[in-house]
Protein backbone atom coordinates (compact mmCIF):
# COMPACT_ATOMS: atom_id res chain seq x y z
CA MET A 1 19.77 -3.66 -84.12
CA GLU A 2 18.45 -6.29 -81.99
CA ARG A 3 21.61 -8.53 -82.79
CA PHE A 4 23.82 -5.44 -82.36
CA ALA A 5 22.40 -4.72 -78.94
CA ALA A 6 22.44 -8.45 -77.73
CA THR A 7 26.00 -8.74 -78.95
CA ALA A 8 26.99 -5.59 -76.97
CA GLU A 9 25.47 -6.89 -73.87
CA ARG A 10 27.22 -10.26 -74.29
CA ILE A 11 30.44 -8.31 -74.74
CA ALA A 12 29.88 -6.15 -71.76
CA SER A 13 29.33 -9.36 -69.59
CA HIS A 14 32.66 -10.93 -70.60
CA PRO A 15 35.61 -9.30 -68.69
CA GLY A 16 38.33 -11.18 -70.89
CA LYS A 17 39.59 -9.29 -74.03
CA LEU A 18 39.72 -12.76 -75.76
CA ASP A 19 36.14 -13.36 -75.19
CA LYS A 20 35.24 -9.88 -76.19
CA ILE A 21 37.03 -10.22 -79.57
CA ALA A 22 35.72 -13.64 -80.21
CA ILE A 23 32.11 -12.50 -79.55
CA LEU A 24 32.42 -9.40 -81.67
CA ALA A 25 34.20 -11.28 -84.52
CA GLU A 26 31.35 -13.97 -84.43
CA TYR A 27 28.76 -10.99 -84.99
CA LEU A 28 30.72 -9.16 -87.58
CA LYS A 29 31.04 -12.14 -89.98
CA ALA A 30 27.53 -12.66 -90.17
CA LEU A 31 26.60 -9.01 -91.32
CA ASP A 32 26.22 -8.05 -94.91
CA ASP A 33 28.49 -5.06 -96.07
CA VAL A 34 26.35 -2.21 -95.49
CA ASP A 35 25.38 -3.31 -91.81
CA LEU A 36 29.11 -4.24 -91.28
CA VAL A 37 30.61 -0.76 -92.09
CA ALA A 38 27.96 0.98 -89.71
CA ALA A 39 28.21 -1.72 -86.85
CA THR A 40 31.93 -1.75 -86.86
CA ARG A 41 32.03 1.92 -86.38
CA PHE A 42 29.38 1.91 -83.62
CA PHE A 43 31.44 -0.77 -81.74
CA THR A 44 34.24 1.97 -81.49
CA GLY A 45 31.61 3.89 -79.38
CA THR A 46 31.14 6.69 -82.09
CA PRO A 47 28.40 7.18 -84.83
CA PHE A 48 31.01 8.18 -87.48
CA ALA A 49 34.38 7.10 -88.67
CA ALA A 50 37.53 8.55 -86.76
CA ARG A 51 38.38 10.62 -90.00
CA ASP A 52 34.65 11.86 -90.47
CA ARG A 53 34.39 15.63 -89.14
CA ARG A 54 30.66 15.11 -88.64
CA THR A 55 29.04 15.32 -85.29
CA LEU A 56 25.54 14.65 -84.19
CA SER A 57 25.41 17.97 -82.10
CA VAL A 58 22.84 16.23 -79.75
CA GLY A 59 23.04 16.82 -76.03
CA ALA A 60 21.54 14.95 -73.32
CA ARG A 61 18.56 17.40 -72.90
CA THR A 62 17.63 16.77 -76.54
CA ILE A 63 17.98 13.06 -76.09
CA VAL A 64 15.66 13.12 -73.14
CA ASP A 65 13.25 15.52 -74.65
CA ALA A 66 12.82 13.20 -77.87
CA ALA A 67 12.66 10.08 -75.69
CA ARG A 68 9.99 11.57 -73.50
CA ARG A 69 7.74 12.49 -76.40
CA VAL A 70 7.88 8.99 -77.57
CA TRP A 71 7.70 6.88 -74.39
CA ALA A 72 5.92 9.38 -71.90
CA PHE A 73 7.90 9.18 -68.64
CA SER A 74 8.30 11.57 -65.92
CA ASP A 75 11.47 13.39 -64.54
CA ALA A 76 11.22 11.45 -61.51
CA GLN A 77 11.11 8.11 -63.37
CA LEU A 78 14.19 9.07 -65.34
CA GLY A 79 15.88 10.54 -62.25
CA ALA A 80 15.59 7.23 -60.52
CA GLY A 81 17.00 5.33 -63.41
CA TYR A 82 19.90 7.58 -63.76
CA ARG A 83 20.77 7.53 -60.11
CA GLU A 84 20.84 3.70 -60.26
CA THR A 85 22.92 3.26 -63.49
CA GLY A 86 24.84 6.58 -63.88
CA ASP A 87 24.15 6.05 -67.57
CA LEU A 88 21.54 7.66 -69.70
CA GLY A 89 21.07 4.81 -72.02
CA ALA A 90 20.72 2.28 -69.21
CA ALA A 91 18.31 4.67 -67.34
CA LEU A 92 15.95 4.86 -70.45
CA ARG A 93 16.07 1.07 -70.66
CA SER A 94 13.18 0.44 -68.12
CA LEU A 95 11.15 3.48 -69.59
CA VAL A 96 10.81 2.20 -73.10
CA ARG A 97 7.59 1.09 -74.09
CA ALA A 98 5.25 1.19 -77.10
CA PRO A 99 5.04 4.91 -78.22
CA HIS A 100 1.97 6.49 -76.69
CA ASP A 101 1.12 7.81 -80.03
CA ALA A 102 1.90 4.86 -82.17
CA MET A 103 2.06 5.21 -85.84
CA LEU A 104 0.62 2.77 -88.39
CA PHE A 105 3.97 1.72 -89.76
CA ASN A 106 7.18 1.74 -87.74
CA GLU A 107 10.61 1.72 -89.27
CA ARG A 108 12.80 -1.23 -88.63
CA LEU A 109 16.31 -0.41 -87.31
CA THR A 110 19.43 -1.95 -88.59
CA PRO A 111 23.00 -0.66 -88.38
CA ALA A 112 22.87 0.69 -91.88
CA SER A 113 19.58 2.42 -91.44
CA LEU A 114 20.56 4.04 -88.17
CA ASP A 115 23.71 5.14 -89.83
CA ALA A 116 21.63 6.88 -92.69
CA LEU A 117 19.50 8.59 -89.84
CA PHE A 118 22.70 9.76 -88.07
CA ALA A 119 23.93 11.29 -91.30
CA GLU A 120 20.59 13.14 -91.54
CA ILE A 121 21.10 14.66 -87.99
CA ALA A 122 24.63 15.73 -88.93
CA GLU A 123 23.35 17.40 -91.95
CA ALA A 124 20.70 19.33 -90.28
CA SER A 125 21.49 23.03 -90.43
CA GLY A 126 19.88 26.45 -90.41
CA LYS A 127 17.30 28.04 -88.01
CA ARG A 128 15.36 24.89 -87.34
CA ALA A 129 18.38 22.58 -87.12
CA SER A 130 17.92 21.73 -83.58
CA ARG A 131 14.15 20.89 -84.05
CA ARG A 132 15.06 18.75 -87.17
CA ARG A 133 17.71 16.72 -85.14
CA GLU A 134 14.94 16.14 -82.39
CA ALA A 135 12.52 15.03 -84.84
CA ILE A 136 14.71 12.27 -86.53
CA LEU A 137 15.89 11.27 -82.79
CA GLU A 138 12.13 10.75 -82.26
CA ARG A 139 11.87 8.50 -85.43
CA ILE A 140 14.83 6.51 -84.22
CA PHE A 141 13.18 6.02 -80.70
CA ARG A 142 10.00 4.95 -82.39
CA ALA A 143 11.67 2.22 -84.09
CA CYS A 144 13.29 1.02 -80.85
CA GLU A 145 10.73 -1.72 -79.96
CA ASP A 146 13.24 -3.47 -77.70
CA PRO A 147 14.47 -1.49 -74.50
CA LEU A 148 17.83 -3.22 -75.09
CA VAL A 149 18.06 -1.69 -78.55
CA ALA A 150 17.10 1.64 -77.26
CA THR A 151 19.83 1.45 -74.48
CA TYR A 152 22.54 1.04 -77.13
CA VAL A 153 21.18 3.52 -79.54
CA VAL A 154 21.36 6.16 -76.69
CA LYS A 155 24.93 4.82 -75.88
CA ILE A 156 26.00 5.36 -79.49
CA VAL A 157 24.50 8.78 -79.64
CA THR A 158 26.22 9.87 -76.45
CA GLY A 159 29.44 8.20 -77.71
CA ASP A 160 29.83 6.00 -74.55
CA LEU A 161 29.16 2.27 -75.37
CA ARG A 162 30.54 1.05 -71.92
CA VAL A 163 30.99 -2.54 -73.09
CA GLY A 164 34.83 -2.73 -72.51
CA LEU A 165 35.88 -2.35 -76.18
CA ARG A 166 38.78 -0.12 -77.39
CA GLU A 167 39.25 0.47 -81.04
CA GLY A 168 42.44 -1.83 -80.84
CA LEU A 169 39.87 -4.71 -79.79
CA VAL A 170 37.55 -3.97 -82.50
CA LEU A 171 40.43 -4.28 -84.89
CA ASP A 172 41.52 -7.59 -83.53
CA ALA A 173 37.80 -8.72 -83.89
CA ILE A 174 37.84 -7.67 -87.83
CA ALA A 175 41.05 -9.81 -88.15
CA ALA A 176 39.60 -12.75 -86.41
CA ALA A 177 36.26 -12.43 -88.21
CA PHE A 178 37.83 -12.38 -91.69
CA ASP A 179 41.00 -14.37 -91.22
CA ALA A 180 43.21 -11.26 -91.83
CA ASP A 181 46.58 -10.52 -90.55
CA GLY A 182 46.15 -8.11 -87.55
CA ALA A 183 49.01 -5.79 -88.60
CA THR A 184 47.41 -5.31 -91.77
CA VAL A 185 44.03 -4.50 -90.36
CA ARG A 186 45.83 -1.85 -88.12
CA ARG A 187 47.61 -0.37 -91.00
CA GLY A 188 44.50 -0.22 -92.95
CA ALA A 189 42.84 1.59 -89.95
CA MET A 190 45.70 4.13 -89.66
CA ALA A 191 45.78 4.78 -93.35
CA CYS A 192 41.92 5.47 -93.74
CA GLY A 193 40.86 6.35 -90.42
CA ASP A 194 37.49 4.19 -90.74
CA VAL A 195 37.16 0.79 -89.09
CA GLY A 196 34.05 0.27 -91.09
CA ARG A 197 35.77 0.42 -94.32
CA VAL A 198 38.56 -1.72 -93.19
CA ALA A 199 36.07 -4.42 -92.04
């Protein structure tokens, strides 16, 4: 996820559509298939495909509670970051540190592994579903060793990437990355409702 986050940051820093498309295309063509599917979906600002009815059912309070257990920050610290940025992911960036109760082995987060963890969150059901979702979020946050990765993971969870991409630009980047006809890429996205599969 380090390259995903760095790419998202580069895209956010370039106002021009053509620059955004070129940066994303360069990133997409370097991915293997399983990471490509997940990362492309994430760049549309959502954890799942448009046609997918699953949701994470995770609110800001759940995100903050899970993050606090991993990174041990105060309400005042989070409040100051949020007032400065107006964005939960960006507010948490300065609060990310090595987990205060570090585990012996940490997971390595990739787009594909994050996608699998999101699927686990979406499938949580029953009386303890909210606790299960929170526990999986904690696992995800423990794997975020880089504050920039944590920022963009939270942005994906909240569905608000804020890098200036719309789905149309992601489709243009897919076409550019794989020398495909733009109209064909758009028809594919309309037909299957999943930009990851199209990529």
